[in-house]
């Protein structure tokens, strides 16, 4: 099992998931609902939209540090 790089506790494996019709993305800041998210500084699409189902990525969580580690 992998250990948290911050506190050394063992990470729990699971999944990070979106709302039913959303996709997961990352950016330097969250754009407003009126902006195209793809134009946000530092935008990275982590998953594509998945119509009719939840989008998910395998993830590890440290409940002690409240951190999530993902590979995308």
C-alpha atoms as a PDB file:
ATOM      1  CA  UNK A   1       0.000   0.000   0.000  1.00  0.00           C
ATOM      2  CA  UNK A   2       1.166   3.544  -0.710  1.00  0.00           C
ATOM      3  CA  UNK A   3       1.930   5.974   2.092  1.00  0.00           C
ATOM      4  CA  UNK A   4       0.975   9.666   2.259  1.00  0.00           C
ATOM      5  CA  UNK A   5       3.961  11.834   1.377  1.00  0.00           C
ATOM      6  CA  UNK A   6       2.856  14.430   3.954  1.00  0.00           C
ATOM      7  CA  UNK A   7       2.110  12.405   7.124  1.00  0.00           C
ATOM      8  CA  UNK A   8       3.262   8.851   6.342  1.00  0.00           C
ATOM      9  CA  UNK A   9      -0.151   7.210   6.973  1.00  0.00           C
ATOM     10  CA  UNK A  10      -1.279   4.483   4.580  1.00  0.00           C
ATOM     11  CA  UNK A  11      -3.485   5.739   1.740  1.00  0.00           C
ATOM     12  CA  UNK A  12      -6.866   4.124   1.077  1.00  0.00           C
ATOM     13  CA  UNK A  13      -7.687   3.244  -2.533  1.00  0.00           C
ATOM     14  CA  UNK A  14     -10.986   4.282  -4.104  1.00  0.00           C
ATOM     15  CA  UNK A  15     -12.409   6.556  -6.800  1.00  0.00           C
ATOM     16  CA  UNK A  16     -12.819  10.296  -7.311  1.00  0.00           C
ATOM     17  CA  UNK A  17     -16.045  10.861  -9.262  1.00  0.00           C
ATOM     18  CA  UNK A  18     -18.123  13.632 -10.778  1.00  0.00           C
ATOM     19  CA  UNK A  19     -21.767  14.521 -10.845  1.00  0.00           C
ATOM     20  CA  UNK A  20     -23.883  12.366 -13.145  1.00  0.00           C
ATOM     21  CA  UNK A  21     -23.172  14.400 -16.289  1.00  0.00           C
ATOM     22  CA  UNK A  22     -19.944  16.213 -15.451  1.00  0.00           C
ATOM     23  CA  UNK A  23     -16.289  15.803 -16.202  1.00  0.00           C
ATOM     24  CA  UNK A  24     -13.319  16.399 -13.938  1.00  0.00           C
ATOM     25  CA  UNK A  25     -11.013  19.294 -14.783  1.00  0.00           C
ATOM     26  CA  UNK A  26      -8.210  21.297 -13.168  1.00  0.00           C
ATOM     27  CA  UNK A  27      -7.305  24.980 -13.553  1.00  0.00           C
ATOM     28  CA  UNK A  28      -5.476  27.712 -11.663  1.00  0.00           C
ATOM     29  CA  UNK A  29      -8.871  29.066 -10.590  1.00  0.00           C
ATOM     30  CA  UNK A  30     -12.496  28.012 -11.042  1.00  0.00           C
ATOM     31  CA  UNK A  31     -14.107  29.873 -13.971  1.00  0.00           C
ATOM     32  CA  UNK A  32     -17.572  31.372 -13.593  1.00  0.00           C
ATOM     33  CA  UNK A  33     -20.597  29.519 -14.957  1.00  0.00           C
ATOM     34  CA  UNK A  34     -20.649  32.009 -17.874  1.00  0.00           C
ATOM     35  CA  UNK A  35     -17.058  31.324 -19.003  1.00  0.00           C
ATOM     36  CA  UNK A  36     -15.800  28.484 -21.183  1.00  0.00           C
ATOM     37  CA  UNK A  37     -13.784  26.427 -18.697  1.00  0.00           C
ATOM     38  CA  UNK A  38     -11.295  25.423 -21.407  1.00  0.00           C
ATOM     39  CA  UNK A  39     -10.109  29.036 -21.521  1.00  0.00           C
ATOM     40  CA  UNK A  40      -9.270  29.182 -17.796  1.00  0.00           C
ATOM     41  CA  UNK A  41      -5.550  29.696 -17.072  1.00  0.00           C
ATOM     42  CA  UNK A  42      -3.850  26.353 -16.434  1.00  0.00           C
ATOM     43  CA  UNK A  43      -6.832  24.288 -17.677  1.00  0.00           C
ATOM     44  CA  UNK A  44      -6.302  20.510 -17.863  1.00  0.00           C
ATOM     45  CA  UNK A  45      -9.109  18.132 -18.839  1.00  0.00           C
ATOM     46  CA  UNK A  46      -8.779  15.163 -16.475  1.00  0.00           C
ATOM     47  CA  UNK A  47     -11.691  13.205 -17.938  1.00  0.00           C
ATOM     48  CA  UNK A  48     -14.033  13.738 -20.864  1.00  0.00           C
ATOM     49  CA  UNK A  49     -17.757  14.248 -20.250  1.00  0.00           C
ATOM     50  CA  UNK A  50     -19.647  10.966 -19.975  1.00  0.00           C
ATOM     51  CA  UNK A  51     -23.292  11.471 -20.819  1.00  0.00           C
ATOM     52  CA  UNK A  52     -25.577   9.110 -18.926  1.00  0.00           C
ATOM     53  CA  UNK A  53     -23.100   8.036 -16.284  1.00  0.00           C
ATOM     54  CA  UNK A  54     -20.607   9.216 -13.704  1.00  0.00           C
ATOM     55  CA  UNK A  55     -17.032  10.032 -14.668  1.00  0.00           C
ATOM     56  CA  UNK A  56     -14.458   8.545 -12.313  1.00  0.00           C
ATOM     57  CA  UNK A  57     -10.715   8.187 -11.752  1.00  0.00           C
ATOM     58  CA  UNK A  58      -8.943   5.714  -9.490  1.00  0.00           C
ATOM     59  CA  UNK A  59      -7.621   7.637  -6.485  1.00  0.00           C
ATOM     60  CA  UNK A  60      -5.982   7.237  -3.106  1.00  0.00           C
ATOM     61  CA  UNK A  61      -7.098   9.211  -0.054  1.00  0.00           C
ATOM     62  CA  UNK A  62      -5.409  10.200   3.200  1.00  0.00           C
ATOM     63  CA  UNK A  63      -8.177  10.883   5.681  1.00  0.00           C
ATOM     64  CA  UNK A  64      -5.657  12.276   8.180  1.00  0.00           C
ATOM     65  CA  UNK A  65      -4.351  15.041   5.842  1.00  0.00           C
ATOM     66  CA  UNK A  66      -7.559  15.320   3.816  1.00  0.00           C
ATOM     67  CA  UNK A  67      -5.565  14.809   0.605  1.00  0.00           C
ATOM     68  CA  UNK A  68      -6.467  12.890  -2.556  1.00  0.00           C
ATOM     69  CA  UNK A  69      -3.820  11.522  -4.930  1.00  0.00           C
ATOM     70  CA  UNK A  70      -4.830  10.747  -8.519  1.00  0.00           C
ATOM     71  CA  UNK A  71      -3.188   9.754 -11.789  1.00  0.00           C
ATOM     72  CA  UNK A  72      -4.939  10.955 -14.914  1.00  0.00           C
END
